[in-house]
Amino acid sequence: MWYKPYINEKGVTVFKKTLPKRIDGFFNTTFLALWFAGDGTKIKGSIGAKFEVTAFSPDERKTLQKLFKEKFDIEVKINKAGISRANNQQWTLNINASEYQRFRTLITEMDLIERYFPQKLHPIS
């Protein structure tokens, strides 16, 4: 449900990452922890966290931003995050310092991140 097949310019079937149509139904704390384990990390140099979301379309990034606000009352920012080696724009969803503690509390309700990915977390403040 995360990868939509299409035929590229060479006639080869490839898969593009897309948001499932019903993502709002499973956008919960368990989902956030698992997603953060795979595509998230702390922001270096300041308190905060980010998700790598380059694969998603601009509308899908806005959908994720809206879900964070609706489900968890967390404001996230859609940020440009540099240019890839292939010269493509990179994107992140950022949870800034004012929202970080609430986010950290949610993703550590289960011990996945603290146990296996503690390097992804800022210390408790």
PDB file of N, CA and C in Angstrom:
ATOM      1  N   MET A   1       0.805  -1.201   0.000  1.00  0.00           N
ATOM      2  CA  MET A   1       0.000   0.000   0.000  1.00  0.00           C
ATOM      3  C   MET A   1       0.850   1.268   0.000  1.00  0.00           C
ATOM      4  N   TRP A   2       2.149   1.147   0.246  1.00  0.00           N
ATOM      5  CA  TRP A   2       3.034   2.311   0.263  1.00  0.00           C
ATOM      6  C   TRP A   2       3.703   2.591  -1.086  1.00  0.00           C
ATOM      7  N   TYR A   3       3.697   1.610  -1.977  1.00  0.00           N
ATOM      8  CA  TYR A   3       4.420   1.759  -3.242  1.00  0.00           C
ATOM      9  C   TYR A   3       3.487   1.520  -4.416  1.00  0.00           C
ATOM     10  N   LYS A   4       3.382   2.527  -5.282  1.00  0.00           N
ATOM     11  CA  LYS A   4       2.504   2.469  -6.442  1.00  0.00           C
ATOM     12  C   LYS A   4       3.338   2.135  -7.683  1.00  0.00           C
ATOM     13  N   PRO A   5       2.955   1.073  -8.420  1.00  0.00           N
ATOM     14  CA  PRO A   5       3.738   0.714  -9.607  1.00  0.00           C
ATOM     15  C   PRO A   5       3.436   1.649 -10.785  1.00  0.00           C
ATOM     16  N   TYR A   6       4.468   1.909 -11.567  1.00  0.00           N
ATOM     17  CA  TYR A   6       4.285   2.623 -12.825  1.00  0.00           C
ATOM     18  C   TYR A   6       5.396   2.196 -13.774  1.00  0.00           C
ATOM     19  N   ILE A   7       5.189   2.479 -15.044  1.00  0.00           N
ATOM     20  CA  ILE A   7       6.170   2.137 -16.070  1.00  0.00           C
ATOM     21  C   ILE A   7       7.038   3.363 -16.326  1.00  0.00           C
ATOM     22  N   ASN A   8       8.337   3.219 -16.146  1.00  0.00           N
ATOM     23  CA  ASN A   8       9.223   4.365 -16.365  1.00  0.00           C
ATOM     24  C   ASN A   8       9.503   4.558 -17.858  1.00  0.00           C
ATOM     25  N   GLU A   9      10.349   5.548 -18.175  1.00  0.00           N
ATOM     26  CA  GLU A   9      10.647   5.895 -19.566  1.00  0.00           C
ATOM     27  C   GLU A   9      11.367   4.777 -20.331  1.00  0.00           C
ATOM     28  N   LYS A  10      11.935   3.823 -19.602  1.00  0.00           N
ATOM     29  CA  LYS A  10      12.611   2.686 -20.239  1.00  0.00           C
ATOM     30  C   LYS A  10      11.690   1.471 -20.386  1.00  0.00           C
ATOM     31  N   GLY A  11      10.420   1.640 -20.002  1.00  0.00           N
ATOM     32  CA  GLY A  11       9.470   0.544 -20.103  1.00  0.00           C
ATOM     33  C   GLY A  11       9.544  -0.459 -18.971  1.00  0.00           C
ATOM     34  N   VAL A  12      10.225  -0.100 -17.892  1.00  0.00           N
ATOM     35  CA  VAL A  12      10.411  -0.983 -16.748  1.00  0.00           C
ATOM     36  C   VAL A  12       9.419  -0.594 -15.647  1.00  0.00           C
ATOM     37  N   THR A  13       8.806  -1.589 -15.051  1.00  0.00           N
ATOM     38  CA  THR A  13       7.917  -1.326 -13.920  1.00  0.00           C
ATOM     39  C   THR A  13       8.759  -0.978 -12.699  1.00  0.00           C
ATOM     40  N   VAL A  14       8.493   0.175 -12.136  1.00  0.00           N
ATOM     41  CA  VAL A  14       9.156   0.620 -10.914  1.00  0.00           C
ATOM     42  C   VAL A  14       8.067   1.038  -9.929  1.00  0.00           C
ATOM     43  N   PHE A  15       8.466   1.274  -8.704  1.00  0.00           N
ATOM     44  CA  PHE A  15       7.514   1.610  -7.665  1.00  0.00           C
ATOM     45  C   PHE A  15       7.848   2.954  -7.054  1.00  0.00           C
ATOM     46  N   LYS A  16       6.839   3.801  -6.910  1.00  0.00           N
ATOM     47  CA  LYS A  16       6.995   5.111  -6.285  1.00  0.00           C
ATOM     48  C   LYS A  16       6.320   5.087  -4.926  1.00  0.00           C
ATOM     49  N   LYS A  17       7.036   5.578  -3.923  1.00  0.00           N
ATOM     50  CA  LYS A  17       6.483   5.645  -2.574  1.00  0.00           C
ATOM     51  C   LYS A  17       5.384   6.700  -2.537  1.00  0.00           C
ATOM     52  N   THR A  18       4.227   6.314  -2.010  1.00  0.00           N
ATOM     53  CA  THR A  18       3.086   7.221  -1.880  1.00  0.00           C
ATOM     54  C   THR A  18       2.409   6.984  -0.540  1.00  0.00           C
ATOM     55  N   LEU A  19       1.680   7.979  -0.079  1.00  0.00           N
ATOM     56  CA  LEU A  19       0.902   7.793   1.147  1.00  0.00           C
ATOM     57  C   LEU A  19      -0.308   6.918   0.860  1.00  0.00           C
ATOM     58  N   PRO A  20      -0.589   5.966   1.726  1.00  0.00           N
ATOM     59  CA  PRO A  20      -1.832   5.196   1.572  1.00  0.00           C
ATOM     60  C   PRO A  20      -3.041   6.126   1.685  1.00  0.00           C
ATOM     61  N   LYS A  21      -4.102   5.804   0.986  1.00  0.00           N
ATOM     62  CA  LYS A  21      -5.307   6.644   0.996  1.00  0.00           C
ATOM     63  C   LYS A  21      -5.902   6.778   2.389  1.00  0.00           C
ATOM     64  N   ARG A  22      -5.782   5.770   3.197  1.00  0.00           N
ATOM     65  CA  ARG A  22      -6.386   5.767   4.537  1.00  0.00           C
ATOM     66  C   ARG A  22      -5.350   5.937   5.646  1.00  0.00           C
ATOM     67  N   ILE A  23      -4.312   6.703   5.398  1.00  0.00           N
ATOM     68  CA  ILE A  23      -3.253   6.860   6.401  1.00  0.00           C
ATOM     69  C   ILE A  23      -3.791   7.421   7.705  1.00  0.00           C
ATOM     70  N   ASP A  24      -4.807   8.253   7.647  1.00  0.00           N
ATOM     71  CA  ASP A  24      -5.341   8.832   8.878  1.00  0.00           C
ATOM     72  C   ASP A  24      -5.855   7.763   9.840  1.00  0.00           C
ATOM     73  N   GLY A  25      -6.241   6.602   9.335  1.00  0.00           N
ATOM     74  CA  GLY A  25      -6.741   5.526  10.182  1.00  0.00           C
ATOM     75  C   GLY A  25      -5.683   4.835  11.013  1.00  0.00           C
ATOM     76  N   PHE A  26      -4.426   4.918  10.602  1.00  0.00           N
ATOM     77  CA  PHE A  26      -3.367   4.282  11.403  1.00  0.00           C
ATOM     78  C   PHE A  26      -2.246   5.246  11.769  1.00  0.00           C
ATOM     79  N   PHE A  27      -2.502   6.529  11.664  1.00  0.00           N
ATOM     80  CA  PHE A  27      -1.527   7.546  12.063  1.00  0.00           C
ATOM     81  C   PHE A  27      -1.646   7.720  13.574  1.00  0.00           C
ATOM     82  N   ASN A  28      -0.965   6.832  14.304  1.00  0.00           N
ATOM     83  CA  ASN A  28      -1.036   6.825  15.766  1.00  0.00           C
ATOM     84  C   ASN A  28       0.379   6.760  16.340  1.00  0.00           C
ATOM     85  N   THR A  29       0.479   6.630  17.651  1.00  0.00           N
ATOM     86  CA  THR A  29       1.802   6.665  18.282  1.00  0.00           C
ATOM     87  C   THR A  29       2.679   5.481  17.880  1.00  0.00           C
ATOM     88  N   THR A  30       2.088   4.312  17.709  1.00  0.00           N
ATOM     89  CA  THR A  30       2.873   3.158  17.260  1.00  0.00           C
ATOM     90  C   THR A  30       3.423   3.410  15.864  1.00  0.00           C
ATOM     91  N   PHE A  31       2.576   3.904  14.970  1.00  0.00           N
ATOM     92  CA  PHE A  31       3.023   4.240  13.623  1.00  0.00           C
ATOM     93  C   PHE A  31       4.155   5.261  13.673  1.00  0.00           C
ATOM     94  N   LEU A  32       3.996   6.326  14.480  1.00  0.00           N
ATOM     95  CA  LEU A  32       5.039   7.356  14.568  1.00  0.00           C
ATOM     96  C   LEU A  32       6.371   6.768  15.016  1.00  0.00           C
ATOM     97  N   ALA A  33       6.336   5.902  16.014  1.00  0.00           N
ATOM     98  CA  ALA A  33       7.579   5.301  16.508  1.00  0.00           C
ATOM     99  C   ALA A  33       8.249   4.457  15.426  1.00  0.00           C
ATOM    100  N   LEU A  34       7.468   3.654  14.723  1.00  0.00           N
ATOM    101  CA  LEU A  34       8.036   2.815  13.664  1.00  0.00           C
ATOM    102  C   LEU A  34       8.568   3.662  12.508  1.00  0.00           C
ATOM    103  N   TRP A  35       7.820   4.679  12.126  1.00  0.00           N
ATOM    104  CA  TRP A  35       8.252   5.560  11.040  1.00  0.00           C
ATOM    105  C   TRP A  35       9.527   6.300  11.450  1.00  0.00           C
ATOM    106  N   PHE A  36       9.566   6.793  12.687  1.00  0.00           N
ATOM    107  CA  PHE A  36      10.753   7.503  13.166  1.00  0.00           C
ATOM    108  C   PHE A  36      11.964   6.572  13.204  1.00  0.00           C
ATOM    109  N   ALA A  37      11.754   5.324  13.572  1.00  0.00           N
ATOM    110  CA  ALA A  37      12.859   4.355  13.585  1.00  0.00           C
ATOM    111  C   ALA A  37      13.469   4.221  12.192  1.00  0.00           C
ATOM    112  N   GLY A  38      12.641   4.280  11.166  1.00  0.00           N
ATOM    113  CA  GLY A  38      13.139   4.104   9.809  1.00  0.00           C
ATOM    114  C   GLY A  38      13.575   5.379   9.121  1.00  0.00           C
ATOM    115  N   ASP A  39      12.777   6.437   9.215  1.00  0.00           N
ATOM    116  CA  ASP A  39      13.017   7.653   8.429  1.00  0.00           C
ATOM    117  C   ASP A  39      13.237   8.902   9.264  1.00  0.00           C
ATOM    118  N   GLY A  40      13.425   8.764  10.552  1.00  0.00           N
ATOM    119  CA  GLY A  40      13.568   9.934  11.409  1.00  0.00           C
ATOM    120  C   GLY A  40      14.898   9.992  12.124  1.00  0.00           C
ATOM    121  N   THR A  41      15.194  11.178  12.638  1.00  0.00           N
ATOM    122  CA  THR A  41      16.387  11.375  13.450  1.00  0.00           C
ATOM    123  C   THR A  41      16.262  12.689  14.207  1.00  0.00           C
ATOM    124  N   LYS A  42      17.126  12.880  15.191  1.00  0.00           N
ATOM    125  CA  LYS A  42      17.153  14.161  15.885  1.00  0.00           C
ATOM    126  C   LYS A  42      17.809  15.195  14.979  1.00  0.00           C
ATOM    127  N   ILE A  43      17.506  16.453  15.243  1.00  0.00           N
ATOM    128  CA  ILE A  43      18.158  17.547  14.528  1.00  0.00           C
ATOM    129  C   ILE A  43      19.442  17.859  15.279  1.00  0.00           C
ATOM    130  N   LYS A  44      20.537  17.857  14.569  1.00  0.00           N
ATOM    131  CA  LYS A  44      21.826  18.162  15.192  1.00  0.00           C
ATOM    132  C   LYS A  44      21.982  19.671  15.326  1.00  0.00           C
ATOM    133  N   GLY A  45      22.503  20.099  16.454  1.00  0.00           N
ATOM    134  CA  GLY A  45      22.755  21.508  16.684  1.00  0.00           C
ATOM    135  C   GLY A  45      21.623  22.248  17.361  1.00  0.00           C
ATOM    136  N   SER A  46      20.452  21.622  17.465  1.00  0.00           N
ATOM    137  CA  SER A  46      19.333  22.219  18.195  1.00  0.00           C
ATOM    138  C   SER A  46      18.374  21.098  18.594  1.00  0.00           C
ATOM    139  N   ILE A  47      17.523  21.392  19.556  1.00  0.00           N
ATOM    140  CA  ILE A  47      16.539  20.405  19.993  1.00  0.00           C
ATOM    141  C   ILE A  47      15.465  20.301  18.918  1.00  0.00           C
ATOM    142  N   GLY A  48      15.178  19.095  18.493  1.00  0.00           N
ATOM    143  CA  GLY A  48      14.149  18.858  17.496  1.00  0.00           C
ATOM    144  C   GLY A  48      14.353  17.510  16.831  1.00  0.00           C
ATOM    145  N   ALA A  49      13.427  17.158  15.960  1.00  0.00           N
ATOM    146  CA  ALA A  49      13.498  15.903  15.227  1.00  0.00           C
ATOM    147  C   ALA A  49      13.022  16.157  13.806  1.00  0.00           C
ATOM    148  N   LYS A  50      13.350  15.212  12.921  1.00  0.00           N
ATOM    149  CA  LYS A  50      12.909  15.364  11.542  1.00  0.00           C
ATOM    150  C   LYS A  50      12.687  14.000  10.906  1.00  0.00           C
ATOM    151  N   PHE A  51      11.813  13.999   9.906  1.00  0.00           N
ATOM    152  CA  PHE A  51      11.541  12.839   9.074  1.00  0.00           C
ATOM    153  C   PHE A  51      11.976  13.178   7.657  1.00  0.00           C
ATOM    154  N   GLU A  52      12.613  12.244   6.994  1.00  0.00           N
ATOM    155  CA  GLU A  52      12.979  12.424   5.591  1.00  0.00           C
ATOM    156  C   GLU A  52      11.737  12.095   4.765  1.00  0.00           C
ATOM    157  N   VAL A  53      11.253  13.065   3.965  1.00  0.00           N
ATOM    158  CA  VAL A  53       9.998  12.885   3.221  1.00  0.00           C
ATOM    159  C   VAL A  53      10.137  13.251   1.742  1.00  0.00           C
ATOM    160  N   THR A  54      11.341  13.174   1.213  1.00  0.00           N
ATOM    161  CA  THR A  54      11.586  13.547  -0.181  1.00  0.00           C
ATOM    162  C   THR A  54      10.743  12.728  -1.157  1.00  0.00           C
ATOM    163  N   ALA A  55      10.516  11.463  -0.871  1.00  0.00           N
ATOM    164  CA  ALA A  55       9.779  10.593  -1.797  1.00  0.00           C
ATOM    165  C   ALA A  55       8.323  11.009  -1.961  1.00  0.00           C
ATOM    166  N   PHE A  56       7.784  11.748  -1.008  1.00  0.00           N
ATOM    167  CA  PHE A  56       6.383  12.128  -1.065  1.00  0.00           C
ATOM    168  C   PHE A  56       6.182  13.393  -1.884  1.00  0.00           C
ATOM    169  N   SER A  57       5.011  13.502  -2.489  1.00  0.00           N
ATOM    170  CA  SER A  57       4.663  14.680  -3.284  1.00  0.00           C
ATOM    171  C   SER A  57       4.425  15.872  -2.353  1.00  0.00           C
ATOM    172  N   PRO A  58       4.410  17.093  -2.895  1.00  0.00           N
ATOM    173  CA  PRO A  58       4.090  18.254  -2.047  1.00  0.00           C
ATOM    174  C   PRO A  58       2.743  18.112  -1.338  1.00  0.00           C
ATOM    175  N   ASP A  59       1.728  17.599  -2.017  1.00  0.00           N
ATOM    176  CA  ASP A  59       0.422  17.413  -1.367  1.00  0.00           C
ATOM    177  C   ASP A  59       0.490  16.371  -0.258  1.00  0.00           C
ATOM    178  N   GLU A  60       1.263  15.313  -0.462  1.00  0.00           N
ATOM    179  CA  GLU A  60       1.402  14.286   0.570  1.00  0.00           C
ATOM    180  C   GLU A  60       2.145  14.840   1.785  1.00  0.00           C
ATOM    181  N   ARG A  61       3.151  15.668   1.569  1.00  0.00           N
ATOM    182  CA  ARG A  61       3.844  16.301   2.699  1.00  0.00           C
ATOM    183  C   ARG A  61       2.886  17.184   3.495  1.00  0.00           C
ATOM    184  N   LYS A  62       2.020  17.907   2.790  1.00  0.00           N
ATOM    185  CA  LYS A  62       1.022  18.747   3.472  1.00  0.00           C
ATOM    186  C   LYS A  62       0.019  17.887   4.234  1.00  0.00           C
ATOM    187  N   THR A  63      -0.341  16.746   3.682  1.00  0.00           N
ATOM    188  CA  THR A  63      -1.244  15.817   4.385  1.00  0.00           C
ATOM    189  C   THR A  63      -0.601  15.355   5.687  1.00  0.00           C
ATOM    190  N   LEU A  64       0.674  14.994   5.640  1.00  0.00           N
ATOM    191  CA  LEU A  64       1.376  14.577   6.863  1.00  0.00           C
ATOM    192  C   LEU A  64       1.430  15.713   7.877  1.00  0.00           C
ATOM    193  N   GLN A  65       1.713  16.908   7.417  1.00  0.00           N
ATOM    194  CA  GLN A  65       1.752  18.076   8.298  1.00  0.00           C
ATOM    195  C   GLN A  65       0.398  18.264   8.989  1.00  0.00           C
ATOM    196  N   LYS A  66      -0.666  18.134   8.231  1.00  0.00           N
ATOM    197  CA  LYS A  66      -2.022  18.281   8.769  1.00  0.00           C
ATOM    198  C   LYS A  66      -2.336  17.172   9.777  1.00  0.00           C
ATOM    199  N   LEU A  67      -1.930  15.946   9.486  1.00  0.00           N
ATOM    200  CA  LEU A  67      -2.176  14.836  10.407  1.00  0.00           C
ATOM    201  C   LEU A  67      -1.456  15.019  11.737  1.00  0.00           C
ATOM    202  N   PHE A  68      -0.229  15.509  11.710  1.00  0.00           N
ATOM    203  CA  PHE A  68       0.486  15.784  12.964  1.00  0.00           C
ATOM    204  C   PHE A  68      -0.322  16.755  13.823  1.00  0.00           C
ATOM    205  N   LYS A  69      -0.866  17.792  13.208  1.00  0.00           N
ATOM    206  CA  LYS A  69      -1.628  18.791  13.951  1.00  0.00           C
ATOM    207  C   LYS A  69      -2.949  18.208  14.449  1.00  0.00           C
ATOM    208  N   GLU A  70      -3.685  17.535  13.574  1.00  0.00           N
ATOM    209  CA  GLU A  70      -4.996  17.004  13.941  1.00  0.00           C
ATOM    210  C   GLU A  70      -4.924  15.890  14.976  1.00  0.00           C
ATOM    211  N   LYS A  71      -3.979  14.979  14.811  1.00  0.00           N
ATOM    212  CA  LYS A  71      -3.918  13.798  15.685  1.00  0.00           C
ATOM    213  C   LYS A  71      -3.172  14.051  16.995  1.00  0.00           C
ATOM    214  N   PHE A  72      -2.134  14.903  16.942  1.00  0.00           N
ATOM    215  CA  PHE A  72      -1.254  15.050  18.111  1.00  0.00           C
ATOM    216  C   PHE A  72      -1.057  16.488  18.570  1.00  0.00           C
ATOM    217  N   ASP A  73      -1.683  17.435  17.887  1.00  0.00           N
ATOM    218  CA  ASP A  73      -1.504  18.856  18.177  1.00  0.00           C
ATOM    219  C   ASP A  73      -0.021  19.252  18.141  1.00  0.00           C
ATOM    220  N   ILE A  74       0.670  18.726  17.133  1.00  0.00           N
ATOM    221  CA  ILE A  74       2.083  19.034  16.934  1.00  0.00           C
ATOM    222  C   ILE A  74       2.240  19.751  15.600  1.00  0.00           C
ATOM    223  N   GLU A  75       2.843  20.928  15.665  1.00  0.00           N
ATOM    224  CA  GLU A  75       3.144  21.691  14.451  1.00  0.00           C
ATOM    225  C   GLU A  75       4.451  21.160  13.868  1.00  0.00           C
ATOM    226  N   VAL A  76       4.414  20.766  12.610  1.00  0.00           N
ATOM    227  CA  VAL A  76       5.643  20.381  11.918  1.00  0.00           C
ATOM    228  C   VAL A  76       5.845  21.321  10.743  1.00  0.00           C
ATOM    229  N   LYS A  77       7.075  21.534  10.410  1.00  0.00           N
ATOM    230  CA  LYS A  77       7.452  22.404   9.298  1.00  0.00           C
ATOM    231  C   LYS A  77       7.960  21.550   8.143  1.00  0.00           C
ATOM    232  N   ILE A  78       7.578  21.917   6.942  1.00  0.00           N
ATOM    233  CA  ILE A  78       8.100  21.276   5.742  1.00  0.00           C
ATOM    234  C   ILE A  78       9.315  22.097   5.318  1.00  0.00           C
ATOM    235  N   ASN A  79      10.492  21.455   5.328  1.00  0.00           N
ATOM    236  CA  ASN A  79      11.735  22.172   5.051  1.00  0.00           C
ATOM    237  C   ASN A  79      12.485  21.581   3.876  1.00  0.00           C
ATOM    238  N   LYS A  80      13.102  22.457   3.102  1.00  0.00           N
ATOM    239  CA  LYS A  80      14.068  22.011   2.107  1.00  0.00           C
ATOM    240  C   LYS A  80      15.289  21.516   2.873  1.00  0.00           C
ATOM    241  N   ALA A  81      15.891  20.431   2.391  1.00  0.00           N
ATOM    242  CA  ALA A  81      17.006  19.825   3.129  1.00  0.00           C
ATOM    243  C   ALA A  81      18.201  19.560   2.220  1.00  0.00           C
ATOM    244  N   GLY A  82      18.427  20.443   1.280  1.00  0.00           N
ATOM    245  CA  GLY A  82      19.594  20.293   0.427  1.00  0.00           C
ATOM    246  C   GLY A  82      19.256  19.640  -0.898  1.00  0.00           C
ATOM    247  N   ILE A  83      20.301  19.348  -1.633  1.00  0.00           N
ATOM    248  CA  ILE A  83      20.196  18.768  -2.967  1.00  0.00           C
ATOM    249  C   ILE A  83      20.923  17.429  -2.963  1.00  0.00           C
ATOM    250  N   SER A  84      20.298  16.427  -3.568  1.00  0.00           N
ATOM    251  CA  SER A  84      20.912  15.092  -3.627  1.00  0.00           C
ATOM    252  C   SER A  84      22.043  15.074  -4.657  1.00  0.00           C
ATOM    253  N   ARG A  85      22.795  13.979  -4.666  1.00  0.00           N
ATOM    254  CA  ARG A  85      23.856  13.807  -5.662  1.00  0.00           C
ATOM    255  C   ARG A  85      23.301  13.810  -7.076  1.00  0.00           C
ATOM    256  N   ALA A  86      22.038  13.373  -7.213  1.00  0.00           N
ATOM    257  CA  ALA A  86      21.374  13.360  -8.521  1.00  0.00           C
ATOM    258  C   ALA A  86      20.748  14.721  -8.847  1.00  0.00           C
ATOM    259  N   ASN A  87      21.056  15.713  -8.014  1.00  0.00           N
ATOM    260  CA  ASN A  87      20.591  17.088  -8.209  1.00  0.00           C
ATOM    261  C   ASN A  87      19.084  17.254  -7.997  1.00  0.00           C
ATOM    262  N   ASN A  88      18.514  16.463  -7.083  1.00  0.00           N
ATOM    263  CA  ASN A  88      17.098  16.568  -6.736  1.00  0.00           C
ATOM    264  C   ASN A  88      16.947  17.241  -5.379  1.00  0.00           C
ATOM    265  N   GLN A  89      15.916  18.064  -5.243  1.00  0.00           N
ATOM    266  CA  GLN A  89      15.623  18.723  -3.974  1.00  0.00           C
ATOM    267  C   GLN A  89      15.241  17.679  -2.923  1.00  0.00           C
ATOM    268  N   GLN A  90      15.795  17.800  -1.728  1.00  0.00           N
ATOM    269  CA  GLN A  90      15.473  16.926  -0.598  1.00  0.00           C
ATOM    270  C   GLN A  90      14.527  17.672   0.350  1.00  0.00           C
ATOM    271  N   TRP A  91      13.666  16.913   1.050  1.00  0.00           N
ATOM    272  CA  TRP A  91      12.666  17.507   1.939  1.00  0.00           C
ATOM    273  C   TRP A  91      12.606  16.773   3.273  1.00  0.00           C
ATOM    274  N   THR A  92      12.320  17.522   4.336  1.00  0.00           N
ATOM    275  CA  THR A  92      12.095  16.942   5.658  1.00  0.00           C
ATOM    276  C   THR A  92      10.849  17.548   6.287  1.00  0.00           C
ATOM    277  N   LEU A  93      10.266  16.810   7.220  1.00  0.00           N
ATOM    278  CA  LEU A  93       9.265  17.353   8.139  1.00  0.00           C
ATOM    279  C   LEU A  93       9.998  17.562   9.450  1.00  0.00           C
ATOM    280  N   ASN A  94      10.009  18.780   9.943  1.00  0.00           N
ATOM    281  CA  ASN A  94      10.751  19.097  11.159  1.00  0.00           C
ATOM    282  C   ASN A  94       9.823  19.349  12.334  1.00  0.00           C
ATOM    283  N   ILE A  95      10.172  18.753  13.468  1.00  0.00           N
ATOM    284  CA  ILE A  95       9.523  19.021  14.741  1.00  0.00           C
ATOM    285  C   ILE A  95      10.505  19.898  15.506  1.00  0.00           C
ATOM    286  N   ASN A  96      10.154  21.145  15.711  1.00  0.00           N
ATOM    287  CA  ASN A  96      11.074  22.081  16.344  1.00  0.00           C
ATOM    288  C   ASN A  96      11.044  21.969  17.862  1.00  0.00           C
ATOM    289  N   ALA A  97      11.913  22.715  18.516  1.00  0.00           N
ATOM    290  CA  ALA A  97      12.119  22.612  19.962  1.00  0.00           C
ATOM    291  C   ALA A  97      10.826  22.758  20.757  1.00  0.00           C
ATOM    292  N   SER A  98       9.967  23.686  20.377  1.00  0.00           N
ATOM    293  CA  SER A  98       8.738  23.921  21.145  1.00  0.00           C
ATOM    294  C   SER A  98       7.794  22.718  21.119  1.00  0.00           C
ATOM    295  N   GLU A  99       7.921  21.848  20.129  1.00  0.00           N
ATOM    296  CA  GLU A  99       7.055  20.676  19.989  1.00  0.00           C
ATOM    297  C   GLU A  99       7.774  19.367  20.335  1.00  0.00           C
ATOM    298  N   TYR A 100       9.098  19.434  20.515  1.00  0.00           N
ATOM    299  CA  TYR A 100       9.887  18.213  20.629  1.00  0.00           C
ATOM    300  C   TYR A 100       9.514  17.350  21.826  1.00  0.00           C
ATOM    301  N   GLN A 101       9.328  17.924  22.992  1.00  0.00           N
ATOM    302  CA  GLN A 101       9.058  17.107  24.182  1.00  0.00           C
ATOM    303  C   GLN A 101       7.760  16.323  24.027  1.00  0.00           C
ATOM    304  N   ARG A 102       6.728  16.953  23.471  1.00  0.00           N
ATOM    305  CA  ARG A 102       5.461  16.246  23.240  1.00  0.00           C
ATOM    306  C   ARG A 102       5.688  15.103  22.253  1.00  0.00           C
ATOM    307  N   PHE A 103       6.422  15.372  21.176  1.00  0.00           N
ATOM    308  CA  PHE A 103       6.726  14.343  20.188  1.00  0.00           C
ATOM    309  C   PHE A 103       7.530  13.205  20.812  1.00  0.00           C
ATOM    310  N   ARG A 104       8.559  13.544  21.581  1.00  0.00           N
ATOM    311  CA  ARG A 104       9.412  12.526  22.210  1.00  0.00           C
ATOM    312  C   ARG A 104       8.595  11.621  23.117  1.00  0.00           C
ATOM    313  N   THR A 105       7.688  12.219  23.884  1.00  0.00           N
ATOM    314  CA  THR A 105       6.825  11.443  24.769  1.00  0.00           C
ATOM    315  C   THR A 105       5.978  10.447  23.971  1.00  0.00           C
ATOM    316  N   LEU A 106       5.432  10.873  22.851  1.00  0.00           N
ATOM    317  CA  LEU A 106       4.597   9.995  22.020  1.00  0.00           C
ATOM    318  C   LEU A 106       5.388   8.821  21.452  1.00  0.00           C
ATOM    319  N   ILE A 107       6.567   9.098  20.901  1.00  0.00           N
ATOM    320  CA  ILE A 107       7.306   8.018  20.231  1.00  0.00           C
ATOM    321  C   ILE A 107       8.022   7.094  21.208  1.00  0.00           C
ATOM    322  N   THR A 108       8.053   7.467  22.476  1.00  0.00           N
ATOM    323  CA  THR A 108       8.687   6.589  23.467  1.00  0.00           C
ATOM    324  C   THR A 108       7.660   5.891  24.358  1.00  0.00           C
ATOM    325  N   GLU A 109       6.376   5.946  23.978  1.00  0.00           N
ATOM    326  CA  GLU A 109       5.369   5.179  24.717  1.00  0.00           C
ATOM    327  C   GLU A 109       5.696   3.689  24.653  1.00  0.00           C
ATOM    328  N   MET A 110       6.211   3.243  23.544  1.00  0.00           N
ATOM    329  CA  MET A 110       6.771   1.891  23.449  1.00  0.00           C
ATOM    330  C   MET A 110       8.288   2.059  23.486  1.00  0.00           C
ATOM    331  N   ASP A 111       9.032   1.047  23.849  1.00  0.00           N
ATOM    332  CA  ASP A 111      10.470   1.216  24.086  1.00  0.00           C
ATOM    333  C   ASP A 111      11.346   1.005  22.852  1.00  0.00           C
ATOM    334  N   LEU A 112      10.781   0.959  21.674  1.00  0.00           N
ATOM    335  CA  LEU A 112      11.536   0.722  20.450  1.00  0.00           C
ATOM    336  C   LEU A 112      12.672   1.730  20.252  1.00  0.00           C
ATOM    337  N   ILE A 113      12.356   3.000  20.293  1.00  0.00           N
ATOM    338  CA  ILE A 113      13.371   4.020  20.000  1.00  0.00           C
ATOM    339  C   ILE A 113      14.407   4.080  21.118  1.00  0.00           C
ATOM    340  N   GLU A 114      13.966   4.151  22.350  1.00  0.00           N
ATOM    341  CA  GLU A 114      14.920   4.247  23.467  1.00  0.00           C
ATOM    342  C   GLU A 114      15.825   3.020  23.541  1.00  0.00           C
ATOM    343  N   ARG A 115      15.301   1.863  23.242  1.00  0.00           N
ATOM    344  CA  ARG A 115      16.083   0.638  23.360  1.00  0.00           C
ATOM    345  C   ARG A 115      17.034   0.427  22.173  1.00  0.00           C
ATOM    346  N   TYR A 116      16.519   0.606  20.954  1.00  0.00           N
ATOM    347  CA  TYR A 116      17.306   0.247  19.771  1.00  0.00           C
ATOM    348  C   TYR A 116      17.881   1.431  18.992  1.00  0.00           C
ATOM    349  N   PHE A 117      17.312   2.618  19.187  1.00  0.00           N
ATOM    350  CA  PHE A 117      17.770   3.787  18.431  1.00  0.00           C
ATOM    351  C   PHE A 117      17.957   5.004  19.329  1.00  0.00           C
ATOM    352  N   PRO A 118      18.599   4.862  20.475  1.00  0.00           N
ATOM    353  CA  PRO A 118      18.707   6.004  21.388  1.00  0.00           C
ATOM    354  C   PRO A 118      19.464   7.186  20.776  1.00  0.00           C
ATOM    355  N   GLN A 119      20.317   6.919  19.792  1.00  0.00           N
ATOM    356  CA  GLN A 119      21.058   7.986  19.130  1.00  0.00           C
ATOM    357  C   GLN A 119      20.140   8.943  18.359  1.00  0.00           C
ATOM    358  N   LYS A 120      18.901   8.545  18.139  1.00  0.00           N
ATOM    359  CA  LYS A 120      17.953   9.378  17.417  1.00  0.00           C
ATOM    360  C   LYS A 120      17.245  10.380  18.334  1.00  0.00           C
ATOM    361  N   LEU A 121      17.477  10.291  19.643  1.00  0.00           N
ATOM    362  CA  LEU A 121      16.778  11.124  20.618  1.00  0.00           C
ATOM    363  C   LEU A 121      17.712  12.121  21.285  1.00  0.00           C
ATOM    364  N   HIS A 122      17.160  13.297  21.558  1.00  0.00           N
ATOM    365  CA  HIS A 122      17.846  14.239  22.445  1.00  0.00           C
ATOM    366  C   HIS A 122      17.572  13.795  23.873  1.00  0.00           C
ATOM    367  N   PRO A 123      18.448  14.134  24.807  1.00  0.00           N
ATOM    368  CA  PRO A 123      18.203  13.784  26.212  1.00  0.00           C
ATOM    369  C   PRO A 123      16.896  14.411  26.710  1.00  0.00           C
ATOM    370  N   ILE A 124      16.292  13.791  27.714  1.00  0.00           N
ATOM    371  CA  ILE A 124      15.076  14.339  28.331  1.00  0.00           C
ATOM    372  C   ILE A 124      15.418  15.660  28.971  1.00  0.00           C
ATOM    373  N   SER A 125      14.562  16.660  28.716  1.00  0.00           N
ATOM    374  CA  SER A 125      14.826  17.984  29.309  1.00  0.00           C
ATOM    375  C   SER A 125      13.958  18.242  30.514  1.00  0.00           C
TER     376      SER A 125
END
